[in-house]
Amino acid sequence: MTSTVNPVLRVAPAAPAEAAAHFRASLVFHADVSDVAAALAAGDDPGFVVLDSRSTEAWDQGHIPGAVHLPTALVPDRAEQLLDKNVPVVTYCWGPGCNGATRAALALAELGYRVKEMLGGFEYWAREGFAYETWEGREQRAADPLTAPVDADRCGC
């Protein structure tokens, strides 16, 4: 009798030490929307600056309060005018389907900045119900229960 391995286990999971190293490394490069929001809401200096790497039109539609606006293509020419190399930068763009934040993070790293990418981008910022600014003023949507459970104990994050 031949046993078939399901698609999940066709490639065996990594050894625990290898997995721990991989996931630890991932956290070095990424920040979660909720963690960024919590750090900004604490009121003190969060120890980082948030950078919106999208176009001016996208920025006007909505951006994280206090974020610096620097489109990805302009990072090499304008970063030093807007950012302090001693302060870590958290980049974001539209959302999971956009790699603008990744490209901005790469450009900043190549210029000598310490940088992380905010997973989920502006899409998940808005979907999780955090306030944002537009060219017309401050806005906030109801949290999407698929991304921000109403009962915080359900997440377990």
Protein backbone atom coordinates (compact mmCIF):
# COMPACT_ATOMS: atom_id res chain seq x y z
CA MET A 1 0.00 0.00 0.00
CA THR A 2 1.43 3.37 -1.06
CA SER A 3 1.02 6.31 1.25
CA THR A 4 0.75 9.78 -0.28
CA VAL A 5 1.99 12.80 1.60
CA ASN A 6 -0.35 15.77 1.67
CA PRO A 7 0.78 19.05 0.04
CA VAL A 8 1.49 20.69 3.40
CA LEU A 9 3.98 18.05 4.48
CA ARG A 10 5.43 17.22 1.05
CA VAL A 11 8.35 19.39 2.12
CA ALA A 12 9.04 18.65 5.77
CA PRO A 13 8.94 21.49 8.31
CA ALA A 14 12.26 22.95 9.36
CA ALA A 15 13.95 21.82 12.52
CA PRO A 16 12.85 23.92 15.52
CA ALA A 17 16.16 25.80 15.81
CA GLU A 18 16.13 26.57 12.08
CA ALA A 19 12.52 27.73 12.26
CA ALA A 20 13.26 29.93 15.28
CA ALA A 21 16.17 31.58 13.45
CA HIS A 22 14.01 32.20 10.37
CA PHE A 23 11.09 33.73 12.28
CA ARG A 24 13.42 35.82 14.48
CA ALA A 25 15.04 37.18 11.32
CA SER A 26 11.62 37.96 9.84
CA LEU A 27 10.76 40.13 12.86
CA VAL A 28 13.96 42.10 12.31
CA PHE A 29 12.60 43.23 8.94
CA HIS A 30 8.86 43.58 9.56
CA ALA A 31 6.46 45.40 11.86
CA ASP A 32 2.78 44.66 12.37
CA VAL A 33 0.14 47.38 11.84
CA SER A 34 -1.24 46.89 15.35
CA ASP A 35 2.22 47.16 16.91
CA VAL A 36 2.96 50.37 14.99
CA ALA A 37 -0.41 51.82 16.04
CA ALA A 38 0.16 50.88 19.70
CA ALA A 39 3.63 52.45 19.72
CA LEU A 40 2.32 55.66 18.14
CA ALA A 41 -0.68 55.81 20.50
CA ALA A 42 1.51 55.48 23.61
CA GLY A 43 2.13 59.22 23.40
CA ASP A 44 5.87 59.14 23.95
CA ASP A 45 8.47 59.17 21.21
CA PRO A 46 8.09 55.70 19.69
CA GLY A 47 11.77 55.62 18.68
CA PHE A 48 11.00 55.36 14.96
CA VAL A 49 9.49 57.39 12.14
CA VAL A 50 6.76 56.12 9.81
CA LEU A 51 7.33 56.70 6.10
CA ASP A 52 4.55 56.60 3.47
CA SER A 53 6.20 55.65 0.18
CA ARG A 54 3.13 56.16 -2.05
CA SER A 55 2.27 58.88 -4.57
CA THR A 56 0.93 62.29 -3.59
CA GLU A 57 -2.53 61.26 -4.83
CA ALA A 58 -2.48 58.20 -2.56
CA TRP A 59 -1.16 60.28 0.36
CA ASP A 60 -4.05 62.73 -0.08
CA GLN A 61 -6.58 59.86 0.00
CA GLY A 62 -5.31 58.80 3.41
CA HIS A 63 -2.13 58.36 5.43
CA ILE A 64 -1.04 57.52 8.96
CA PRO A 65 -1.06 60.61 11.19
CA GLY A 66 2.47 61.88 11.70
CA ALA A 67 3.92 59.88 8.81
CA VAL A 68 6.56 61.39 6.55
CA HIS A 69 5.61 61.40 2.88
CA LEU A 70 8.43 60.30 0.58
CA PRO A 71 7.49 58.43 -2.60
CA THR A 72 9.77 55.47 -3.30
CA ALA A 73 11.26 56.99 -6.45
CA LEU A 74 12.37 60.07 -4.49
CA VAL A 75 14.07 58.23 -1.60
CA PRO A 76 17.63 58.46 -3.01
CA ASP A 77 17.38 62.21 -3.61
CA ARG A 78 15.33 63.38 -0.61
CA ALA A 79 15.80 60.95 2.30
CA GLU A 80 18.64 62.88 3.90
CA GLN A 81 16.54 66.08 3.89
CA LEU A 82 13.62 64.39 5.68
CA LEU A 83 15.05 61.62 7.84
CA ASP A 84 17.64 61.22 10.58
CA LYS A 85 19.91 58.19 10.08
CA ASN A 86 19.91 57.65 13.86
CA VAL A 87 16.15 57.03 13.93
CA PRO A 88 14.77 53.75 12.55
CA VAL A 89 12.24 54.06 9.72
CA VAL A 90 9.08 51.98 9.24
CA THR A 91 7.93 52.05 5.62
CA TYR A 92 4.47 51.37 4.23
CA CYS A 93 2.61 51.54 0.93
CA TRP A 94 -0.94 50.51 -0.10
CA GLY A 95 -1.08 46.97 1.18
CA PRO A 96 -0.03 43.37 0.69
CA GLY A 97 -0.33 43.62 -3.10
CA CYS A 98 2.11 46.53 -3.32
CA ASN A 99 5.89 46.31 -3.04
CA GLY A 100 6.54 50.05 -2.82
CA ALA A 101 7.33 49.82 0.90
CA THR A 102 9.80 47.01 0.20
CA ARG A 103 11.51 49.04 -2.52
CA ALA A 104 11.59 52.13 -0.27
CA ALA A 105 13.04 50.05 2.58
CA LEU A 106 15.73 48.70 0.25
CA ALA A 107 16.63 52.20 -0.97
CA LEU A 108 16.82 53.48 2.62
CA ALA A 109 18.94 50.54 3.76
CA GLU A 110 21.33 51.16 0.88
CA LEU A 111 21.63 54.76 2.10
CA GLY A 112 22.53 53.60 5.60
CA TYR A 113 19.14 53.78 7.40
CA ARG A 114 17.85 51.14 9.80
CA VAL A 115 14.48 50.14 8.41
CA LYS A 116 11.48 47.83 8.80
CA GLU A 117 8.48 47.34 6.54
CA MET A 118 4.96 47.57 8.01
CA LEU A 119 3.08 44.47 6.91
CA GLY A 120 -0.38 45.17 5.51
CA GLY A 121 0.35 48.79 4.62
CA PHE A 122 -2.28 51.51 4.60
CA GLU A 123 -4.98 49.01 3.64
CA TYR A 124 -4.66 47.13 6.91
CA TRP A 125 -4.21 50.34 8.91
CA ALA A 126 -7.65 51.44 7.71
CA ARG A 127 -9.16 47.94 7.90
CA GLU A 128 -8.10 47.57 11.52
CA GLY A 129 -10.00 50.77 12.33
CA PHE A 130 -7.11 53.11 13.08
CA ALA A 131 -7.59 56.82 12.40
CA TYR A 132 -5.96 58.33 9.35
CA GLU A 133 -5.64 61.74 7.72
CA THR A 134 -6.81 62.79 4.25
CA TRP A 135 -6.56 66.08 2.41
CA GLU A 136 -9.99 66.85 3.93
CA GLY A 137 -9.12 65.99 7.53
CA ARG A 138 -9.15 63.08 9.96
CA GLU A 139 -11.16 59.93 9.20
CA GLN A 140 -11.68 56.53 10.73
CA ARG A 141 -13.56 53.46 9.54
CA ALA A 142 -15.10 50.70 11.60
CA ALA A 143 -12.69 47.84 12.12
CA ASP A 144 -13.07 44.88 9.76
CA PRO A 145 -13.79 41.90 12.05
CA LEU A 146 -11.63 39.69 9.79
CA THR A 147 -8.53 41.77 10.53
CA ALA A 148 -9.29 43.26 13.94
CA PRO A 149 -11.55 41.04 16.06
CA VAL A 150 -14.01 42.95 18.21
CA ASP A 151 -13.06 40.71 21.15
CA ALA A 152 -9.31 41.37 21.50
CA ASP A 153 -8.88 38.08 23.38
CA ARG A 154 -9.78 36.14 20.22
CA CYS A 155 -6.65 37.17 18.32
CA GLY A 156 -4.05 35.73 20.65
CA CYS A 157 -1.32 37.69 18.88
